[in-house]
Amino acid sequence: MINVFMPSTPNPTTGFLMFVPLSKCTKLNMSVDQAIKYIISAGLVTPKAPEIKKALPKKKKIKKLTK
C-alpha cells in the first residue's frame, strides 16, 4: 500500500488521501515540479509526454481456421 494525495478543484491544496495497492499504480517519469504545474494549471501546462513504466499486456494471436 502507498499513500496517494488526490487534489480537488478548484483549490488543489485541498483533497483526499487514499491508500492504494502498489499494483494498481502507474509510475510516471515526472518530477514533483512538473506534477504541481500540471495540477495548478488544470492540465493546460503539460510536461513532455511522460514515459509510462507499466507494460501493456501483449495481444494474443488468433489462429484462423482453414478448410
N, C-alpha and C. Protein backbone atom coordinates (compact mmCIF):
# COMPACT_ATOMS: atom_id res chain seq x y z
N MET A 1 0.83 -1.18 0.00
CA MET A 1 0.00 0.00 0.00
C MET A 1 0.88 1.25 0.00
N ILE A 2 0.43 2.24 -0.77
CA ILE A 2 1.10 3.54 -0.75
C ILE A 2 0.06 4.63 -0.51
N ASN A 3 0.52 5.77 -0.05
CA ASN A 3 -0.35 6.92 0.19
C ASN A 3 -0.39 7.77 -1.08
N VAL A 4 -1.59 8.10 -1.55
CA VAL A 4 -1.76 8.93 -2.74
C VAL A 4 -2.65 10.11 -2.37
N PHE A 5 -2.16 11.33 -2.63
CA PHE A 5 -2.95 12.52 -2.39
C PHE A 5 -3.64 12.90 -3.69
N MET A 6 -4.96 12.96 -3.68
CA MET A 6 -5.74 13.34 -4.85
C MET A 6 -6.27 14.76 -4.63
N PRO A 7 -5.66 15.76 -5.31
CA PRO A 7 -6.10 17.13 -5.11
C PRO A 7 -7.51 17.34 -5.68
N SER A 8 -8.25 18.26 -5.07
CA SER A 8 -9.59 18.55 -5.56
C SER A 8 -9.64 19.94 -6.19
N THR A 9 -10.69 20.22 -6.92
CA THR A 9 -10.84 21.52 -7.56
C THR A 9 -11.85 22.33 -6.78
N PRO A 10 -11.87 23.61 -6.83
CA PRO A 10 -10.95 24.48 -7.58
C PRO A 10 -9.66 24.79 -6.82
N ASN A 11 -9.55 24.30 -5.60
CA ASN A 11 -8.37 24.58 -4.78
C ASN A 11 -7.54 23.32 -4.62
N PRO A 12 -6.45 23.17 -5.39
CA PRO A 12 -5.67 21.93 -5.34
C PRO A 12 -4.87 21.73 -4.06
N THR A 13 -4.91 22.69 -3.14
CA THR A 13 -4.22 22.47 -1.87
C THR A 13 -5.08 21.65 -0.92
N THR A 14 -6.33 21.41 -1.29
CA THR A 14 -7.20 20.51 -0.52
C THR A 14 -7.42 19.26 -1.36
N GLY A 15 -7.79 18.18 -0.72
CA GLY A 15 -8.03 16.96 -1.46
C GLY A 15 -8.24 15.78 -0.53
N PHE A 16 -7.99 14.61 -1.07
CA PHE A 16 -8.24 13.37 -0.34
C PHE A 16 -6.95 12.55 -0.29
N LEU A 17 -6.71 11.92 0.85
CA LEU A 17 -5.59 11.00 1.00
C LEU A 17 -6.15 9.59 0.85
N MET A 18 -5.62 8.86 -0.11
CA MET A 18 -6.10 7.50 -0.37
C MET A 18 -4.96 6.51 -0.17
N PHE A 19 -5.30 5.32 0.24
CA PHE A 19 -4.33 4.24 0.38
C PHE A 19 -4.59 3.26 -0.76
N VAL A 20 -3.61 3.12 -1.64
CA VAL A 20 -3.78 2.36 -2.88
C VAL A 20 -2.73 1.25 -2.95
N PRO A 21 -3.12 0.05 -3.38
CA PRO A 21 -2.12 -1.01 -3.58
C PRO A 21 -1.13 -0.60 -4.68
N LEU A 22 0.12 -0.87 -4.47
CA LEU A 22 1.15 -0.52 -5.44
C LEU A 22 0.87 -1.13 -6.81
N SER A 23 0.25 -2.29 -6.84
CA SER A 23 -0.04 -2.96 -8.11
C SER A 23 -1.07 -2.19 -8.95
N LYS A 24 -1.83 -1.29 -8.35
CA LYS A 24 -2.85 -0.51 -9.06
C LYS A 24 -2.31 0.84 -9.53
N CYS A 25 -1.03 1.13 -9.25
CA CYS A 25 -0.44 2.42 -9.58
C CYS A 25 0.45 2.32 -10.81
N THR A 26 0.56 3.43 -11.52
CA THR A 26 1.45 3.53 -12.67
C THR A 26 2.49 4.60 -12.37
N LYS A 27 3.75 4.23 -12.42
CA LYS A 27 4.83 5.17 -12.12
C LYS A 27 5.12 6.01 -13.37
N LEU A 28 5.10 7.33 -13.20
CA LEU A 28 5.38 8.24 -14.30
C LEU A 28 6.77 8.83 -14.15
N ASN A 29 7.38 9.15 -15.27
CA ASN A 29 8.69 9.80 -15.27
C ASN A 29 8.43 11.31 -15.25
N MET A 30 7.94 11.82 -14.09
CA MET A 30 7.56 13.22 -13.95
C MET A 30 8.07 13.72 -12.61
N SER A 31 8.70 14.91 -12.62
CA SER A 31 9.19 15.47 -11.36
C SER A 31 8.03 16.05 -10.56
N VAL A 32 8.29 16.34 -9.29
CA VAL A 32 7.27 16.94 -8.42
C VAL A 32 6.89 18.31 -8.98
N ASP A 33 7.87 19.09 -9.45
CA ASP A 33 7.60 20.41 -10.02
C ASP A 33 6.66 20.31 -11.22
N GLN A 34 6.92 19.36 -12.11
CA GLN A 34 6.07 19.18 -13.29
C GLN A 34 4.65 18.79 -12.87
N ALA A 35 4.53 17.93 -11.88
CA ALA A 35 3.22 17.49 -11.42
C ALA A 35 2.43 18.65 -10.81
N ILE A 36 3.10 19.50 -10.03
CA ILE A 36 2.42 20.65 -9.42
C ILE A 36 1.96 21.63 -10.50
N LYS A 37 2.81 21.90 -11.49
CA LYS A 37 2.40 22.79 -12.59
C LYS A 37 1.20 22.22 -13.33
N TYR A 38 1.21 20.93 -13.53
CA TYR A 38 0.11 20.25 -14.23
C TYR A 38 -1.20 20.38 -13.44
N ILE A 39 -1.14 20.20 -12.14
CA ILE A 39 -2.33 20.27 -11.28
C ILE A 39 -2.84 21.70 -11.18
N ILE A 40 -1.94 22.65 -10.89
CA ILE A 40 -2.34 24.05 -10.70
C ILE A 40 -2.92 24.64 -11.98
N SER A 41 -2.38 24.26 -13.13
CA SER A 41 -2.86 24.81 -14.41
C SER A 41 -4.08 24.06 -14.94
N ALA A 42 -4.59 23.10 -14.19
CA ALA A 42 -5.75 22.29 -14.61
C ALA A 42 -5.47 21.56 -15.92
N GLY A 43 -4.22 21.18 -16.13
CA GLY A 43 -3.86 20.40 -17.31
C GLY A 43 -3.43 21.22 -18.51
N LEU A 44 -3.44 22.56 -18.40
CA LEU A 44 -3.05 23.40 -19.53
C LEU A 44 -1.55 23.38 -19.77
N VAL A 45 -0.77 23.32 -18.68
CA VAL A 45 0.69 23.23 -18.80
C VAL A 45 1.05 21.77 -18.60
N THR A 46 1.39 21.11 -19.69
CA THR A 46 1.71 19.68 -19.60
C THR A 46 3.20 19.46 -19.81
N PRO A 47 3.77 18.55 -19.07
CA PRO A 47 5.19 18.22 -19.30
C PRO A 47 5.32 17.43 -20.58
N LYS A 48 6.55 17.23 -21.00
CA LYS A 48 6.80 16.37 -22.15
C LYS A 48 6.12 15.04 -21.88
N ALA A 49 5.58 14.40 -22.89
CA ALA A 49 4.82 13.16 -22.71
C ALA A 49 5.55 12.22 -21.76
N PRO A 50 4.94 11.95 -20.60
CA PRO A 50 5.61 11.08 -19.63
C PRO A 50 5.69 9.65 -20.13
N GLU A 51 6.80 9.03 -19.80
CA GLU A 51 7.01 7.63 -20.19
C GLU A 51 6.36 6.74 -19.13
N ILE A 52 5.46 5.89 -19.56
CA ILE A 52 4.76 5.02 -18.62
C ILE A 52 5.60 3.77 -18.41
N LYS A 53 5.87 3.45 -17.14
CA LYS A 53 6.73 2.32 -16.79
C LYS A 53 6.00 0.98 -16.87
N LYS A 54 4.67 0.99 -16.71
CA LYS A 54 3.90 -0.24 -16.71
C LYS A 54 3.76 -0.75 -18.15
N ALA A 55 4.08 -1.98 -18.40
CA ALA A 55 3.99 -2.54 -19.74
C ALA A 55 2.54 -2.88 -20.08
N LEU A 56 2.19 -2.67 -21.33
CA LEU A 56 0.87 -3.04 -21.79
C LEU A 56 0.83 -4.55 -22.02
N PRO A 57 -0.30 -5.17 -21.76
CA PRO A 57 -0.38 -6.62 -21.98
C PRO A 57 -0.25 -6.94 -23.47
N LYS A 58 0.43 -8.05 -23.75
CA LYS A 58 0.61 -8.47 -25.14
C LYS A 58 -0.70 -9.03 -25.68
N LYS A 59 -0.94 -8.75 -26.96
CA LYS A 59 -2.15 -9.27 -27.59
C LYS A 59 -1.95 -10.74 -27.92
N LYS A 60 -3.01 -11.51 -27.76
CA LYS A 60 -2.94 -12.94 -28.09
C LYS A 60 -3.14 -13.11 -29.58
N LYS A 61 -2.38 -14.02 -30.15
CA LYS A 61 -2.54 -14.30 -31.57
C LYS A 61 -3.73 -15.22 -31.77
N ILE A 62 -4.54 -14.89 -32.76
CA ILE A 62 -5.71 -15.70 -33.07
C ILE A 62 -5.43 -16.49 -34.35
N LYS A 63 -5.58 -17.78 -34.25
CA LYS A 63 -5.33 -18.64 -35.42
C LYS A 63 -6.60 -18.69 -36.25
N LYS A 64 -6.42 -18.55 -37.56
CA LYS A 64 -7.56 -18.64 -38.47
C LYS A 64 -7.75 -20.11 -38.85
N LEU A 65 -9.00 -20.53 -38.87
CA LEU A 65 -9.32 -21.89 -39.27
C LEU A 65 -9.38 -21.96 -40.77
N THR A 66 -8.71 -22.94 -41.35
CA THR A 66 -8.73 -23.13 -42.81
C THR A 66 -9.36 -24.48 -43.10
N LYS A 67 -10.06 -24.55 -44.20
CA LYS A 67 -10.70 -25.81 -44.60
C LYS A 67 -9.94 -26.49 -45.68
